[in-house]
Protein backbone atom coordinates (compact mmCIF):
# COMPACT_ATOMS: atom_id res chain seq x y z
CA UNK A 1 0.00 0.00 0.00
CA UNK A 2 1.47 3.33 -1.00
CA UNK A 3 -1.41 5.58 0.09
CA UNK A 4 -0.36 8.64 2.08
CA UNK A 5 -1.59 9.20 5.62
CA UNK A 6 -3.05 12.29 7.26
CA UNK A 7 -2.31 13.45 10.78
CA UNK A 8 -5.06 15.54 12.35
CA UNK A 9 -4.74 17.22 15.74
CA UNK A 10 -7.38 18.59 18.07
CA UNK A 11 -5.27 20.61 20.54
CA UNK A 12 -5.44 19.55 24.19
CA UNK A 13 -7.51 16.50 23.29
CA UNK A 14 -6.35 13.96 20.65
CA UNK A 15 -4.54 13.19 17.42
CA UNK A 16 -5.91 11.10 14.58
CA UNK A 17 -4.27 9.11 11.82
CA UNK A 18 -6.35 8.74 8.68
CA UNK A 19 -5.90 7.59 5.12
CA UNK A 20 -5.39 10.18 2.42
CA UNK A 21 -9.05 9.62 1.56
CA UNK A 22 -10.05 10.61 5.11
CA UNK A 23 -10.88 7.17 6.56
CA UNK A 24 -9.99 7.11 10.26
CA UNK A 25 -7.37 4.51 11.22
CA UNK A 26 -6.71 5.53 14.82
CA UNK A 27 -7.49 8.23 17.37
CA UNK A 28 -5.02 8.66 20.25
CA UNK A 29 -6.66 10.54 23.12
CA UNK A 30 -3.93 12.03 25.28
CA UNK A 31 -6.24 14.17 27.43
CA UNK A 32 -9.29 12.01 28.16
CA UNK A 33 -12.54 13.36 29.54
CA UNK A 34 -13.79 10.37 31.51
CA UNK A 35 -14.98 10.01 35.13
CA UNK A 36 -12.27 9.73 37.79
CA UNK A 37 -13.46 6.24 38.79
CA UNK A 38 -12.53 5.05 35.28
CA UNK A 39 -8.83 5.79 35.87
CA UNK A 40 -8.27 8.54 33.28
CA UNK A 41 -5.20 7.82 31.14
CA UNK A 42 -4.24 8.12 27.47
CA UNK A 43 -5.77 5.56 25.11
CA UNK A 44 -6.23 4.72 21.43
CA UNK A 45 -9.84 4.32 20.27
CA UNK A 46 -11.08 3.69 17.76
CA UNK A 47 -8.39 1.66 16.09
CA UNK A 48 -9.72 0.63 12.67
CA UNK A 49 -8.73 -1.81 9.96
CA UNK A 50 -8.16 -0.61 6.40
CA UNK A 51 -11.62 -2.03 5.63
CA UNK A 52 -13.12 0.32 8.25
CA UNK A 53 -13.85 -2.28 10.94
CA UNK A 54 -13.42 -0.97 14.50
CA UNK A 55 -10.93 -3.24 16.28
CA UNK A 56 -11.14 -1.77 19.80
CA UNK A 57 -13.91 -1.42 22.36
CA UNK A 58 -14.65 1.56 24.60
CA UNK A 59 -16.28 0.95 28.00
CA UNK A 60 -17.42 -2.66 27.52
CA UNK A 61 -20.35 -3.60 29.78
CA UNK A 62 -18.26 -5.82 32.03
CA UNK A 63 -15.25 -3.46 32.28
CA UNK A 64 -16.37 0.18 31.88
CA UNK A 65 -12.91 1.46 32.84
CA UNK A 66 -11.40 -0.15 29.70
CA UNK A 67 -10.89 2.49 27.04
CA UNK A 68 -9.78 1.02 23.75
CA UNK A 69 -6.06 0.26 23.66
CA UNK A 70 -4.10 1.64 26.59
CA UNK A 71 -0.98 0.94 28.55
CA UNK A 72 -0.79 2.01 32.15
CA UNK A 73 2.54 2.84 33.72
CA UNK A 74 1.72 3.72 37.31
CA UNK A 75 5.08 5.18 38.29
CA UNK A 76 8.11 6.47 36.44
CA UNK A 77 11.06 7.33 38.68
CA UNK A 78 8.67 7.64 41.66
CA UNK A 79 6.36 10.02 39.77
CA UNK A 80 2.78 9.03 38.90
CA UNK A 81 2.39 10.47 35.37
CA UNK A 82 -1.40 10.14 35.24
CA UNK A 83 -3.70 10.14 38.27
CA UNK A 84 -1.78 9.52 41.48
CA UNK A 85 -5.02 9.31 43.48
CA UNK A 86 -5.88 5.94 41.93
CA UNK A 87 -2.49 4.33 42.34
CA UNK A 88 -2.19 1.80 45.16
CA UNK A 89 1.25 0.33 46.08
């Protein structure tokens, strides 16, 4: 595939990667607006296939704190980079 990609940015919220035709491939939310009990942290959702199928899930019924694709690092050099109030040693 040699199609170019677009990078779109909504300041203080998220970035998106899309095909040159505008089809969304991924949205990376770096400043989420979710309730505190859902452990706010950066996540990627939706993540889509080239065919347009959504490959991630946001707030599934059995795990509402799951937000697409995310990786939680609770501490980096003794600093909690996201929400220190939810971290438990």
